[in-house]
Protein backbone atom coordinates (compact mmCIF):
# COMPACT_ATOMS: atom_id res chain seq x y z
CA MET A 1 -6.83 -14.45 12.00
CA ASP A 2 -5.77 -16.98 14.61
CA ALA A 3 -2.25 -18.42 14.66
CA TYR A 4 -3.29 -21.81 13.29
CA ARG A 5 -5.12 -20.38 10.31
CA GLU A 6 -2.28 -17.97 9.58
CA ALA A 7 0.19 -20.87 9.67
CA GLN A 8 -2.06 -22.83 7.30
CA ARG A 9 -2.21 -19.88 4.91
CA LEU A 10 1.57 -19.39 4.95
CA TYR A 11 2.17 -23.13 4.49
CA ALA A 12 -0.20 -23.34 1.53
CA GLU A 13 1.33 -20.28 -0.12
CA VAL A 14 4.86 -21.61 0.00
CA MET A 15 3.87 -25.16 -0.98
CA LEU A 16 2.07 -23.79 -4.05
CA SER A 17 4.85 -21.38 -4.90
CA THR A 18 6.31 -21.55 -8.39
CA ALA A 19 9.62 -20.14 -7.18
CA SER A 20 12.80 -22.14 -7.64
CA GLY A 21 16.45 -22.00 -6.67
CA HIS A 22 17.53 -19.26 -4.31
CA GLU A 23 14.11 -17.59 -4.45
CA LEU A 24 12.42 -20.77 -3.19
CA VAL A 25 15.03 -21.14 -0.45
CA ALA A 26 14.35 -17.57 0.68
CA GLU A 27 10.57 -18.16 0.68
CA LEU A 28 10.94 -21.36 2.67
CA GLU A 29 13.25 -19.73 5.20
CA ARG A 30 10.92 -16.76 5.69
CA THR A 31 7.92 -19.05 6.09
CA LEU A 32 9.75 -21.32 8.54
CA GLN A 33 10.64 -18.28 10.63
CA ARG A 34 7.12 -16.86 10.60
CA ILE A 35 5.41 -20.16 11.40
CA GLY A 36 7.93 -20.67 14.19
CA GLU A 37 6.91 -17.29 15.60
CA LEU A 38 3.24 -18.31 15.43
CA LEU A 39 3.76 -21.59 17.30
CA PRO A 40 3.56 -20.15 20.85
CA GLN A 41 0.42 -18.22 19.87
CA ALA A 42 -1.43 -21.31 18.62
CA ALA A 43 -4.02 -22.93 20.83
CA PRO A 44 -2.54 -25.84 22.79
CA ASP A 45 -4.54 -28.40 20.81
CA GLN A 46 -3.31 -26.91 17.51
CA ARG A 47 0.41 -26.61 18.30
CA ALA A 48 1.24 -30.10 17.06
CA ALA A 49 -0.32 -29.32 13.67
CA VAL A 50 1.58 -26.01 13.42
CA LEU A 51 4.81 -27.78 14.35
CA LEU A 52 4.13 -30.45 11.74
CA MET A 53 3.72 -27.77 9.06
CA ASN A 54 7.03 -26.25 10.08
CA SER A 55 8.74 -29.65 10.10
CA SER A 56 7.40 -30.38 6.63
CA LEU A 57 8.84 -27.12 5.31
CA ALA A 58 12.19 -27.81 6.99
CA GLU A 59 12.32 -31.23 5.32
CA ARG A 60 11.52 -29.67 1.96
CA LEU A 61 14.28 -27.11 2.45
CA ALA A 62 16.77 -29.80 3.51
CA GLY A 63 15.89 -31.84 0.43
CA LEU A 64 16.78 -29.08 -2.02
CA PRO A 65 20.03 -29.42 -3.95
CA GLU A 66 23.05 -27.95 -2.21
CA GLU A 67 23.59 -25.35 -4.97
CA SER A 68 20.13 -23.89 -4.35
CA ARG A 69 20.99 -22.97 -0.78
């Protein structure tokens, strides 16, 4: 699977996750890390999309209540 498709899969999994609280935080952090690792492997014309997925997850993580983190 290419880096872009793997990032899409990871993004979809975590966005559809039913986890909450600390479990959701852990899932988001793991996914952010993995997508970040995939970024250099993505085709040049797909890097912006991969970065946008990662940014979206970071915003979601930042928006969680303080007690969840």
